[in-house]
Amino acid sequence: MAFLDPRLAAVAAFVPAGARVADVGADHGRLAEALLRADAARSCVATEASPARLARLTARLGEHGLGGRLALRCGDGLAPLRPADRLEVLVLAGMGGATIVRILSAPGRRRLGIRRTVLQPATDAAVVRRWLLQNGLGRMDERLVEVRGRFHPVIAAEAGEPLPSPADLDEEDVLEAGASLLTRRDPALLPYWGATLRRQRRILAEATPGRGRSEALRVAGVAERVLAWLGG
């Protein structure tokens, strides 16, 4: 899938071969296109929330001859998806963590029968991890992908027991860093948390007392503890 950037390539790598996939908020549709062109997915449903965005998606993907294996639909969140689609994988990529949680919390999620959820939160990954643990999707695998100096967590979650947390980090630090990344000592953790600590220190050097300074102190503390753990 050479025409996917590393972020979407990591998402695609978490899709089991031959799965029926829904990409909610598909944007340009490159993920669905890549999965189908490579025969990595049996079928895909790609959605967009607005008619205008869906029209752009349709105009682009209509040129690629993907035929009956691709369905394009308009609607918010999980609303365009149907039990008859027999979906196995749900993808939510490039959204904020709060938006991902809102979509996953929809009452109709369970009736879709989805086995694996692949998430790429643009913000608030800890919020997403917490929701997954609290809602029976604790079996997580994860990658941390760098694209042009920015790091993107990609999480695959299924029903099951979570990985044990490192004993010498507290729960909040593990939620921020990702248990599977820590367990594997993913090589991207060191540059990611190093960059995070430097950024928070720059903020603290200029911040006045208030919520922004408190948040910078909190994140800097997480970064210091995770970096210390990685160096131990």
Protein backbone atom coordinates (compact mmCIF):
# COMPACT_ATOMS: atom_id res chain seq x y z
CA MET A 1 0.00 0.00 0.00
CA ALA A 2 2.72 2.34 -1.13
CA PHE A 3 0.52 5.41 -1.58
CA LEU A 4 -0.55 5.55 2.07
CA ASP A 5 1.41 7.78 4.44
CA PRO A 6 2.92 6.04 7.49
CA ARG A 7 -0.03 7.01 9.70
CA LEU A 8 -2.65 5.39 7.47
CA ALA A 9 -0.30 2.50 6.64
CA ALA A 10 -0.21 1.72 10.38
CA VAL A 11 -4.02 1.83 10.45
CA ALA A 12 -4.20 -0.51 7.45
CA ALA A 13 -1.73 -2.91 9.07
CA PHE A 14 -4.21 -3.47 11.92
CA VAL A 15 -6.97 -4.58 9.49
CA PRO A 16 -7.10 -8.41 9.31
CA ALA A 17 -6.88 -9.78 5.78
CA GLY A 18 -10.25 -10.18 4.10
CA ALA A 19 -12.21 -8.18 6.67
CA ARG A 20 -15.31 -6.13 6.04
CA VAL A 21 -14.33 -2.60 7.04
CA ALA A 22 -16.08 0.68 7.85
CA ASP A 23 -14.04 3.89 7.67
CA VAL A 24 -16.10 6.54 9.44
CA GLY A 25 -15.07 10.06 8.45
CA ALA A 26 -13.15 8.72 5.47
CA ASP A 27 -11.97 12.15 4.24
CA HIS A 28 -10.16 11.51 0.94
CA GLY A 29 -10.94 7.78 1.02
CA ARG A 30 -7.36 6.66 0.50
CA LEU A 31 -7.56 4.03 3.23
CA ALA A 32 -10.59 2.30 1.73
CA GLU A 33 -9.08 2.57 -1.73
CA ALA A 34 -5.78 1.06 -0.61
CA LEU A 35 -7.41 -1.81 1.28
CA LEU A 36 -9.60 -2.74 -1.69
CA ARG A 37 -6.96 -2.31 -4.39
CA ALA A 38 -4.59 -4.56 -2.42
CA ASP A 39 -7.39 -7.07 -1.72
CA ALA A 40 -6.63 -6.58 1.97
CA ALA A 41 -10.34 -6.01 2.69
CA ARG A 42 -13.32 -7.90 1.33
CA SER A 43 -15.49 -4.77 1.34
CA CYS A 44 -15.50 -1.23 2.70
CA VAL A 45 -18.11 1.28 3.78
CA ALA A 46 -16.69 4.82 3.71
CA THR A 47 -18.73 7.60 5.30
CA GLU A 48 -18.73 11.37 5.59
CA ALA A 49 -20.95 13.52 7.80
CA SER A 50 -21.93 16.17 5.22
CA PRO A 51 -23.36 15.80 1.70
CA ALA A 52 -20.70 18.16 0.32
CA ARG A 53 -17.82 16.11 1.72
CA LEU A 54 -19.44 12.89 0.55
CA ALA A 55 -19.81 14.36 -2.95
CA ARG A 56 -16.06 15.11 -3.03
CA LEU A 57 -15.29 11.61 -1.80
CA THR A 58 -17.60 10.10 -4.42
CA ALA A 59 -16.05 12.16 -7.21
CA ARG A 60 -12.58 10.99 -6.23
CA LEU A 61 -13.24 7.30 -5.65
CA GLY A 62 -15.60 7.00 -8.59
CA GLU A 63 -12.56 7.10 -10.87
CA HIS A 64 -10.97 3.97 -9.43
CA GLY A 65 -13.34 1.20 -10.47
CA LEU A 66 -13.79 -0.29 -7.00
CA GLY A 67 -17.22 -1.56 -7.93
CA GLY A 68 -19.61 -3.27 -5.57
CA ARG A 69 -17.02 -3.76 -2.85
CA LEU A 70 -17.20 -0.07 -1.83
CA ALA A 71 -20.24 1.69 -0.39
CA LEU A 72 -20.19 5.46 0.15
CA ARG A 73 -22.70 6.87 2.66
CA CYS A 74 -23.56 10.13 4.36
CA GLY A 75 -24.28 10.49 8.06
CA ASP A 76 -22.89 11.26 11.48
CA GLY A 77 -20.82 8.70 13.35
CA LEU A 78 -22.16 5.16 13.20
CA ALA A 79 -25.59 6.16 11.87
CA PRO A 80 -24.86 5.17 8.23
CA LEU A 81 -23.72 1.65 9.22
CA ARG A 82 -26.07 -1.33 9.21
CA PRO A 83 -26.04 -4.83 10.73
CA ALA A 84 -26.55 -6.16 7.19
CA ASP A 85 -23.07 -4.84 6.31
CA ARG A 86 -21.66 -7.66 8.51
CA LEU A 87 -18.78 -5.40 9.49
CA GLU A 88 -15.76 -6.82 11.27
CA VAL A 89 -13.53 -3.74 11.58
CA LEU A 90 -14.41 -0.14 12.44
CA VAL A 91 -11.85 2.58 11.67
CA LEU A 92 -11.95 6.06 13.24
CA ALA A 93 -8.83 7.94 12.16
CA GLY A 94 -7.71 11.55 12.41
CA MET A 95 -10.38 12.66 14.89
CA GLY A 96 -10.01 14.14 18.35
CA GLY A 97 -10.26 11.72 21.25
CA ALA A 98 -13.52 13.23 22.51
CA THR A 99 -15.12 12.76 19.07
CA ILE A 100 -13.96 9.14 18.91
CA VAL A 101 -15.46 8.44 22.34
CA ARG A 102 -18.73 10.12 21.34
CA ILE A 103 -19.00 7.95 18.24
CA LEU A 104 -18.08 4.73 20.04
CA SER A 105 -20.64 5.52 22.76
CA ALA A 106 -23.54 5.44 20.29
CA PRO A 107 -26.23 2.95 21.39
CA GLY A 108 -26.12 1.13 18.04
CA ARG A 109 -22.47 0.08 18.16
CA ARG A 110 -23.04 -3.38 19.64
CA ARG A 111 -25.69 -4.34 17.11
CA LEU A 112 -23.16 -3.89 14.29
CA GLY A 113 -21.19 -6.92 15.48
CA ILE A 114 -17.78 -5.28 15.05
CA ARG A 115 -14.88 -7.42 16.28
CA ARG A 116 -11.99 -4.97 16.03
CA THR A 117 -11.87 -1.20 16.36
CA VAL A 118 -8.87 0.63 14.88
CA LEU A 119 -8.44 4.17 16.17
CA GLN A 120 -6.05 6.99 15.38
CA PRO A 121 -6.83 9.79 17.82
CA ALA A 122 -5.42 13.17 16.82
CA THR A 123 -5.71 14.34 20.45
CA ASP A 124 -6.47 12.92 23.89
CA ALA A 125 -5.30 9.35 23.31
CA ALA A 126 -5.50 8.72 27.06
CA VAL A 127 -9.23 9.54 26.99
CA VAL A 128 -9.71 6.94 24.25
CA ARG A 129 -7.68 4.29 26.07
CA ARG A 130 -9.66 4.86 29.27
CA TRP A 131 -12.98 4.50 27.42
CA LEU A 132 -11.83 1.26 25.79
CA LEU A 133 -10.81 -0.22 29.14
CA GLN A 134 -14.09 0.84 30.76
CA ASN A 135 -16.18 -0.66 27.94
CA GLY A 136 -14.75 -4.14 27.60
CA LEU A 137 -12.32 -3.44 24.76
CA GLY A 138 -9.19 -3.84 26.85
CA ARG A 139 -7.21 -6.10 24.52
CA MET A 140 -5.17 -3.39 22.81
CA ASP A 141 -2.21 -3.31 20.49
CA GLU A 142 -0.70 -0.01 19.48
CA ARG A 143 1.88 1.71 17.29
CA LEU A 144 3.33 5.21 17.59
CA VAL A 145 4.08 6.56 14.13
CA GLU A 146 6.14 9.63 13.25
CA VAL A 147 5.18 11.67 10.20
CA ARG A 148 7.19 14.82 9.49
CA GLY A 149 8.09 15.33 13.12
CA ARG A 150 4.63 14.63 14.53
CA PHE A 151 3.75 11.43 16.39
CA HIS A 152 0.45 9.62 15.86
CA PRO A 153 -0.84 6.80 18.10
CA VAL A 154 -2.69 4.02 16.28
CA ILE A 155 -4.70 1.69 18.52
CA ALA A 156 -6.33 -1.65 17.67
CA ALA A 157 -8.84 -2.77 20.32
CA GLU A 158 -10.91 -5.92 20.78
CA ALA A 159 -12.94 -7.46 23.59
CA GLY A 160 -10.68 -9.07 26.15
CA GLU A 161 -8.42 -8.57 29.11
CA PRO A 162 -5.94 -5.69 29.06
CA LEU A 163 -2.19 -6.11 29.22
CA PRO A 164 -0.73 -5.88 32.72
CA SER A 165 0.55 -2.37 33.45
CA PRO A 166 4.20 -1.76 34.34
CA ALA A 167 4.29 -2.03 38.13
CA ASP A 168 6.38 1.08 38.65
CA LEU A 169 4.16 3.51 36.68
CA ASP A 170 0.79 4.66 37.94
CA GLU A 171 -2.45 4.18 36.04
CA GLU A 172 -2.62 7.72 34.68
CA ASP A 173 0.91 7.51 33.25
CA VAL A 174 0.11 4.19 31.58
CA LEU A 175 -3.07 5.64 30.07
CA GLU A 176 -1.06 8.56 28.69
CA ALA A 177 1.75 6.42 27.26
CA GLY A 178 -0.13 3.25 26.24
CA ALA A 179 0.37 -0.10 27.95
CA SER A 180 1.27 -2.02 24.80
CA LEU A 181 3.80 0.65 23.74
CA LEU A 182 5.38 0.54 27.19
CA THR A 183 5.42 -3.26 27.38
CA ARG A 184 7.13 -3.42 23.99
CA ARG A 185 9.34 -0.41 24.81
CA ASP A 186 8.41 1.00 21.43
CA PRO A 187 11.42 2.93 20.08
CA ALA A 188 9.20 5.92 19.24
CA LEU A 189 8.38 6.49 22.92
CA LEU A 190 11.72 8.07 23.74
CA PRO A 191 11.68 10.77 21.03
CA TYR A 192 7.95 11.39 21.52
CA TRP A 193 8.13 11.96 25.26
CA GLY A 194 11.40 13.84 24.95
CA ALA A 195 9.77 16.26 22.51
CA THR A 196 6.69 16.47 24.75
CA LEU A 197 8.79 17.42 27.77
CA ARG A 198 10.68 20.11 25.86
CA ARG A 199 7.41 21.57 24.57
CA GLN A 200 5.84 21.67 28.03
CA ARG A 201 8.93 23.33 29.50
CA ARG A 202 8.73 26.05 26.85
CA ILE A 203 5.08 26.61 27.75
CA LEU A 204 5.90 26.76 31.46
CA ALA A 205 8.65 29.29 30.86
CA GLU A 206 6.05 31.77 29.57
CA ALA A 207 2.81 30.66 31.23
CA THR A 208 0.96 32.66 33.84
CA PRO A 209 -0.95 30.89 36.64
CA GLY A 210 -4.11 29.24 35.39
CA ARG A 211 -5.49 26.18 33.67
CA GLY A 212 -2.91 26.23 30.86
CA ARG A 213 0.00 26.22 33.31
CA SER A 214 -1.59 23.46 35.38
CA GLU A 215 -2.03 21.27 32.32
CA ALA A 216 1.55 21.91 31.20
CA LEU A 217 2.78 20.91 34.66
CA ARG A 218 0.71 17.73 34.56
CA VAL A 219 1.93 16.67 31.11
CA ALA A 220 5.52 17.55 31.94
CA GLY A 221 5.26 15.34 35.03
CA VAL A 222 3.98 12.43 32.93
CA ALA A 223 6.81 12.94 30.45
CA GLU A 224 9.45 13.00 33.20
CA ARG A 225 8.16 9.79 34.77
CA VAL A 226 7.82 7.93 31.47
CA LEU A 227 11.29 9.00 30.37
CA ALA A 228 12.73 7.93 33.70
CA TRP A 229 10.99 4.54 33.33
CA LEU A 230 12.34 4.10 29.80
CA GLY A 231 15.84 4.86 31.02
CA GLY A 232 15.61 2.45 33.93
